[in-house]
Amino acid sequence: MTAPAALLDIAYAEARLGLAEGGVPIGAALVGADGTVLGRGHNRRVQDGDPSAHAETAAFRAAGRRRDYRPTIMVTTLSPCWFCSGLIRQFGIGTVIIGEARTFHGGHDWLAEHGVRVRILDDPRCVTLMTEFIAARPDLWFEDIGRTDEL
């Protein structure tokens, strides 16, 4: 299997693309057990005006239809929200590699409790990217996580 850090590089590059497009800098990739990238994507909620256009869903959609998702790996720069955690659980994705969970603690504990292998890399690039984004665009961040009461 490809090293987790190398897989995270793919998701991180996607997050940087999202930021460059004026969106929320979260990236993801769905990868086969052999390290083949099946699909990749980034959060496009702002760019597409679509509240469901999260990074994990973009990567999942780009991968196309598969008979069995158990051997796949979802790599994401940030702990997946409940929406994306539900997708991972619904389709039985077997492993999730997370860049960081400091700036947002999503549903990864729940995923682990239900048999998904979860690995948090605590990658400094991912932490810095989100920390700087949240400081610069708290309005967009709180909208993204459904917390407009924080504004």
C-alpha atoms as a PDB file:
ATOM      1  CA  MET A   1       0.000   0.000   0.000  1.00  0.00           C
ATOM      2  CA  THR A   2       1.077   3.557  -0.682  1.00  0.00           C
ATOM      3  CA  ALA A   3       2.275   5.431   2.407  1.00  0.00           C
ATOM      4  CA  PRO A   4      -0.474   7.466   4.131  1.00  0.00           C
ATOM      5  CA  ALA A   5       1.565  10.684   3.841  1.00  0.00           C
ATOM      6  CA  ALA A   6       1.843  10.243   0.058  1.00  0.00           C
ATOM      7  CA  LEU A   7      -1.909   9.705  -0.165  1.00  0.00           C
ATOM      8  CA  LEU A   8      -2.498  12.807   1.935  1.00  0.00           C
ATOM      9  CA  ASP A   9      -0.414  14.817  -0.556  1.00  0.00           C
ATOM     10  CA  ILE A  10      -3.163  14.199  -3.139  1.00  0.00           C
ATOM     11  CA  ALA A  11      -5.900  15.468  -0.825  1.00  0.00           C
ATOM     12  CA  TYR A  12      -3.764  18.429   0.256  1.00  0.00           C
ATOM     13  CA  ALA A  13      -3.221  19.462  -3.375  1.00  0.00           C
ATOM     14  CA  GLU A  14      -7.008  19.364  -3.836  1.00  0.00           C
ATOM     15  CA  ALA A  15      -7.496  21.532  -0.731  1.00  0.00           C
ATOM     16  CA  ARG A  16      -5.088  24.106  -2.127  1.00  0.00           C
ATOM     17  CA  LEU A  17      -7.061  24.130  -5.405  1.00  0.00           C
ATOM     18  CA  GLY A  18     -10.252  24.805  -3.474  1.00  0.00           C
ATOM     19  CA  LEU A  19      -8.638  27.702  -1.645  1.00  0.00           C
ATOM     20  CA  ALA A  20      -7.297  29.161  -4.901  1.00  0.00           C
ATOM     21  CA  GLU A  21     -10.853  29.027  -6.309  1.00  0.00           C
ATOM     22  CA  GLY A  22     -12.181  31.031  -3.350  1.00  0.00           C
ATOM     23  CA  GLY A  23     -13.684  28.046  -1.559  1.00  0.00           C
ATOM     24  CA  VAL A  24     -13.191  26.132   1.661  1.00  0.00           C
ATOM     25  CA  PRO A  25      -9.767  24.420   1.592  1.00  0.00           C
ATOM     26  CA  ILE A  26     -10.681  20.780   2.195  1.00  0.00           C
ATOM     27  CA  GLY A  27      -9.504  18.082  -0.192  1.00  0.00           C
ATOM     28  CA  ALA A  28     -10.054  14.351  -0.485  1.00  0.00           C
ATOM     29  CA  ALA A  29      -9.296  11.286  -2.575  1.00  0.00           C
ATOM     30  CA  LEU A  30     -10.796   7.820  -2.763  1.00  0.00           C
ATOM     31  CA  VAL A  31      -8.003   5.326  -3.239  1.00  0.00           C
ATOM     32  CA  GLY A  32      -7.919   1.624  -3.988  1.00  0.00           C
ATOM     33  CA  ALA A  33      -6.107  -0.799  -1.688  1.00  0.00           C
ATOM     34  CA  ASP A  34      -3.208  -0.861  -4.161  1.00  0.00           C
ATOM     35  CA  GLY A  35      -2.807   2.938  -3.984  1.00  0.00           C
ATOM     36  CA  THR A  36      -4.569   3.683  -7.264  1.00  0.00           C
ATOM     37  CA  VAL A  37      -6.419   6.989  -7.102  1.00  0.00           C
ATOM     38  CA  LEU A  38     -10.022   6.218  -8.016  1.00  0.00           C
ATOM     39  CA  GLY A  39     -11.331   9.755  -7.578  1.00  0.00           C
ATOM     40  CA  ARG A  40     -10.268  13.070  -6.112  1.00  0.00           C
ATOM     41  CA  GLY A  41     -11.938  16.345  -5.336  1.00  0.00           C
ATOM     42  CA  HIS A  42     -12.257  19.361  -3.085  1.00  0.00           C
ATOM     43  CA  ASN A  43     -14.968  21.270  -1.298  1.00  0.00           C
ATOM     44  CA  ARG A  44     -16.902  23.240  -3.931  1.00  0.00           C
ATOM     45  CA  ARG A  45     -19.813  24.527  -1.852  1.00  0.00           C
ATOM     46  CA  VAL A  46     -18.984  28.159  -2.647  1.00  0.00           C
ATOM     47  CA  GLN A  47     -17.910  27.657  -6.261  1.00  0.00           C
ATOM     48  CA  ASP A  48     -20.978  25.586  -7.209  1.00  0.00           C
ATOM     49  CA  GLY A  49     -23.513  27.051  -4.787  1.00  0.00           C
ATOM     50  CA  ASP A  50     -24.172  23.460  -3.708  1.00  0.00           C
ATOM     51  CA  PRO A  51     -24.280  22.774   0.045  1.00  0.00           C
ATOM     52  CA  SER A  52     -23.583  19.070  -0.550  1.00  0.00           C
ATOM     53  CA  ALA A  53     -20.407  19.611  -2.592  1.00  0.00           C
ATOM     54  CA  HIS A  54     -18.001  18.495   0.126  1.00  0.00           C
ATOM     55  CA  ALA A  55     -14.510  17.190  -0.678  1.00  0.00           C
ATOM     56  CA  GLU A  56     -15.280  13.590   0.260  1.00  0.00           C
ATOM     57  CA  THR A  57     -18.470  13.525  -1.804  1.00  0.00           C
ATOM     58  CA  ALA A  58     -16.596  15.018  -4.772  1.00  0.00           C
ATOM     59  CA  ALA A  59     -13.918  12.320  -4.552  1.00  0.00           C
ATOM     60  CA  PHE A  60     -16.572   9.629  -4.130  1.00  0.00           C
ATOM     61  CA  ARG A  61     -18.535  10.836  -7.154  1.00  0.00           C
ATOM     62  CA  ALA A  62     -15.375  11.130  -9.267  1.00  0.00           C
ATOM     63  CA  ALA A  63     -14.495   7.513  -8.467  1.00  0.00           C
ATOM     64  CA  GLY A  64     -17.689   6.296 -10.096  1.00  0.00           C
ATOM     65  CA  ARG A  65     -19.767   3.296  -9.277  1.00  0.00           C
ATOM     66  CA  ARG A  66     -18.098   0.319  -7.604  1.00  0.00           C
ATOM     67  CA  ARG A  67     -19.482  -2.985  -6.479  1.00  0.00           C
ATOM     68  CA  ASP A  68     -17.531  -3.011  -3.211  1.00  0.00           C
ATOM     69  CA  TYR A  69     -16.081  -0.049  -1.329  1.00  0.00           C
ATOM     70  CA  ARG A  70     -14.740  -2.025   1.664  1.00  0.00           C
ATOM     71  CA  PRO A  71     -11.157  -2.195   0.313  1.00  0.00           C
ATOM     72  CA  THR A  72     -11.069   1.521  -0.527  1.00  0.00           C
ATOM     73  CA  ILE A  73      -9.457   4.295   1.475  1.00  0.00           C
ATOM     74  CA  MET A  74     -10.918   7.785   1.855  1.00  0.00           C
ATOM     75  CA  VAL A  75      -8.130  10.287   2.376  1.00  0.00           C
ATOM     76  CA  THR A  76      -9.203  13.718   3.565  1.00  0.00           C
ATOM     77  CA  THR A  77      -7.391  16.770   4.858  1.00  0.00           C
ATOM     78  CA  LEU A  78      -9.895  17.286   7.682  1.00  0.00           C
ATOM     79  CA  SER A  79     -11.967  15.047   9.942  1.00  0.00           C
ATOM     80  CA  PRO A  80     -15.104  14.263   7.934  1.00  0.00           C
ATOM     81  CA  CYS A  81     -18.315  16.015   8.942  1.00  0.00           C
ATOM     82  CA  TRP A  82     -21.433  13.992   9.775  1.00  0.00           C
ATOM     83  CA  PHE A  83     -22.644  14.208   6.173  1.00  0.00           C
ATOM     84  CA  CYS A  84     -19.400  12.743   4.811  1.00  0.00           C
ATOM     85  CA  SER A  85     -19.082  10.286   7.699  1.00  0.00           C
ATOM     86  CA  GLY A  86     -22.530   9.019   6.745  1.00  0.00           C
ATOM     87  CA  LEU A  87     -21.385   8.533   3.158  1.00  0.00           C
ATOM     88  CA  ILE A  88     -18.344   6.562   4.337  1.00  0.00           C
ATOM     89  CA  ARG A  89     -20.524   4.378   6.522  1.00  0.00           C
ATOM     90  CA  GLN A  90     -23.346   3.981   3.995  1.00  0.00           C
ATOM     91  CA  PHE A  91     -21.048   2.610   1.312  1.00  0.00           C
ATOM     92  CA  GLY A  92     -18.757   0.659   3.627  1.00  0.00           C
ATOM     93  CA  ILE A  93     -15.497   2.443   2.889  1.00  0.00           C
ATOM     94  CA  GLY A  94     -13.062   0.469   5.030  1.00  0.00           C
ATOM     95  CA  THR A  95     -10.379   3.018   5.906  1.00  0.00           C
ATOM     96  CA  VAL A  96     -10.209   6.768   6.424  1.00  0.00           C
ATOM     97  CA  ILE A  97      -6.925   8.659   6.583  1.00  0.00           C
ATOM     98  CA  ILE A  98      -7.354  12.144   8.050  1.00  0.00           C
ATOM     99  CA  GLY A  99      -4.880  14.986   7.717  1.00  0.00           C
ATOM    100  CA  GLU A 100      -5.979  16.680  10.925  1.00  0.00           C
ATOM    101  CA  ALA A 101      -8.755  16.814  13.494  1.00  0.00           C
ATOM    102  CA  ARG A 102      -7.602  19.771  15.597  1.00  0.00           C
ATOM    103  CA  THR A 103      -9.611  22.503  13.887  1.00  0.00           C
ATOM    104  CA  PHE A 104     -12.692  20.315  13.441  1.00  0.00           C
ATOM    105  CA  HIS A 105     -13.643  17.087  15.187  1.00  0.00           C
ATOM    106  CA  GLY A 106     -16.092  15.442  12.830  1.00  0.00           C
ATOM    107  CA  GLY A 107     -17.523  11.938  12.869  1.00  0.00           C
ATOM    108  CA  HIS A 108     -14.300   9.940  12.902  1.00  0.00           C
ATOM    109  CA  ASP A 109     -14.857   8.512  16.409  1.00  0.00           C
ATOM    110  CA  TRP A 110     -18.284   7.266  15.317  1.00  0.00           C
ATOM    111  CA  LEU A 111     -16.747   5.719  12.208  1.00  0.00           C
ATOM    112  CA  ALA A 112     -14.131   3.918  14.307  1.00  0.00           C
ATOM    113  CA  GLU A 113     -16.838   2.647  16.675  1.00  0.00           C
ATOM    114  CA  HIS A 114     -18.542   1.081  13.659  1.00  0.00           C
ATOM    115  CA  GLY A 115     -15.542  -0.774  12.286  1.00  0.00           C
ATOM    116  CA  VAL A 116     -13.948   1.772   9.969  1.00  0.00           C
ATOM    117  CA  ARG A 117     -10.172   1.922  10.322  1.00  0.00           C
ATOM    118  CA  VAL A 118      -9.324   5.555  11.121  1.00  0.00           C
ATOM    119  CA  ARG A 119      -5.867   7.065  11.067  1.00  0.00           C
ATOM    120  CA  ILE A 120      -5.265  10.708  11.976  1.00  0.00           C
ATOM    121  CA  LEU A 121      -1.916  11.996  10.713  1.00  0.00           C
ATOM    122  CA  ASP A 122      -1.997  15.398  12.487  1.00  0.00           C
ATOM    123  CA  ASP A 123      -0.277  16.898   9.447  1.00  0.00           C
ATOM    124  CA  PRO A 124       1.068  20.413  10.167  1.00  0.00           C
ATOM    125  CA  ARG A 125       0.283  21.618   6.621  1.00  0.00           C
ATOM    126  CA  CYS A 126      -3.371  20.698   7.041  1.00  0.00           C
ATOM    127  CA  VAL A 127      -3.569  22.308  10.483  1.00  0.00           C
ATOM    128  CA  THR A 128      -1.990  25.534   9.204  1.00  0.00           C
ATOM    129  CA  LEU A 129      -4.182  25.636   6.102  1.00  0.00           C
ATOM    130  CA  MET A 130      -7.396  25.368   8.125  1.00  0.00           C
ATOM    131  CA  THR A 131      -6.249  27.592  10.992  1.00  0.00           C
ATOM    132  CA  GLU A 132      -5.361  30.385   8.590  1.00  0.00           C
ATOM    133  CA  PHE A 133      -8.562  29.917   6.601  1.00  0.00           C
ATOM    134  CA  ILE A 134     -10.776  29.986   9.700  1.00  0.00           C
ATOM    135  CA  ALA A 135      -9.053  33.169  10.919  1.00  0.00           C
ATOM    136  CA  ALA A 136      -9.450  34.838   7.509  1.00  0.00           C
ATOM    137  CA  ARG A 137     -12.990  33.643   6.700  1.00  0.00           C
ATOM    138  CA  PRO A 138     -14.870  32.706   9.881  1.00  0.00           C
ATOM    139  CA  ASP A 139     -18.180  33.504   8.173  1.00  0.00           C
ATOM    140  CA  LEU A 140     -17.564  30.984   5.411  1.00  0.00           C
ATOM    141  CA  TRP A 141     -16.161  28.397   7.812  1.00  0.00           C
ATOM    142  CA  PHE A 142     -19.130  28.532  10.196  1.00  0.00           C
ATOM    143  CA  GLU A 143     -21.519  28.375   7.245  1.00  0.00           C
ATOM    144  CA  ASP A 144     -19.675  25.291   5.977  1.00  0.00           C
ATOM    145  CA  ILE A 145     -20.043  23.442   9.267  1.00  0.00           C
ATOM    146  CA  GLY A 146     -23.629  24.582   9.815  1.00  0.00           C
ATOM    147  CA  ARG A 147     -22.842  26.887  12.733  1.00  0.00           C
ATOM    148  CA  THR A 148     -24.137  30.272  11.597  1.00  0.00           C
ATOM    149  CA  ASP A 149     -25.034  30.988  15.238  1.00  0.00           C
ATOM    150  CA  GLU A 150     -21.292  31.581  15.788  1.00  0.00           C
ATOM    151  CA  LEU A 151     -21.221  34.707  13.612  1.00  0.00           C
END
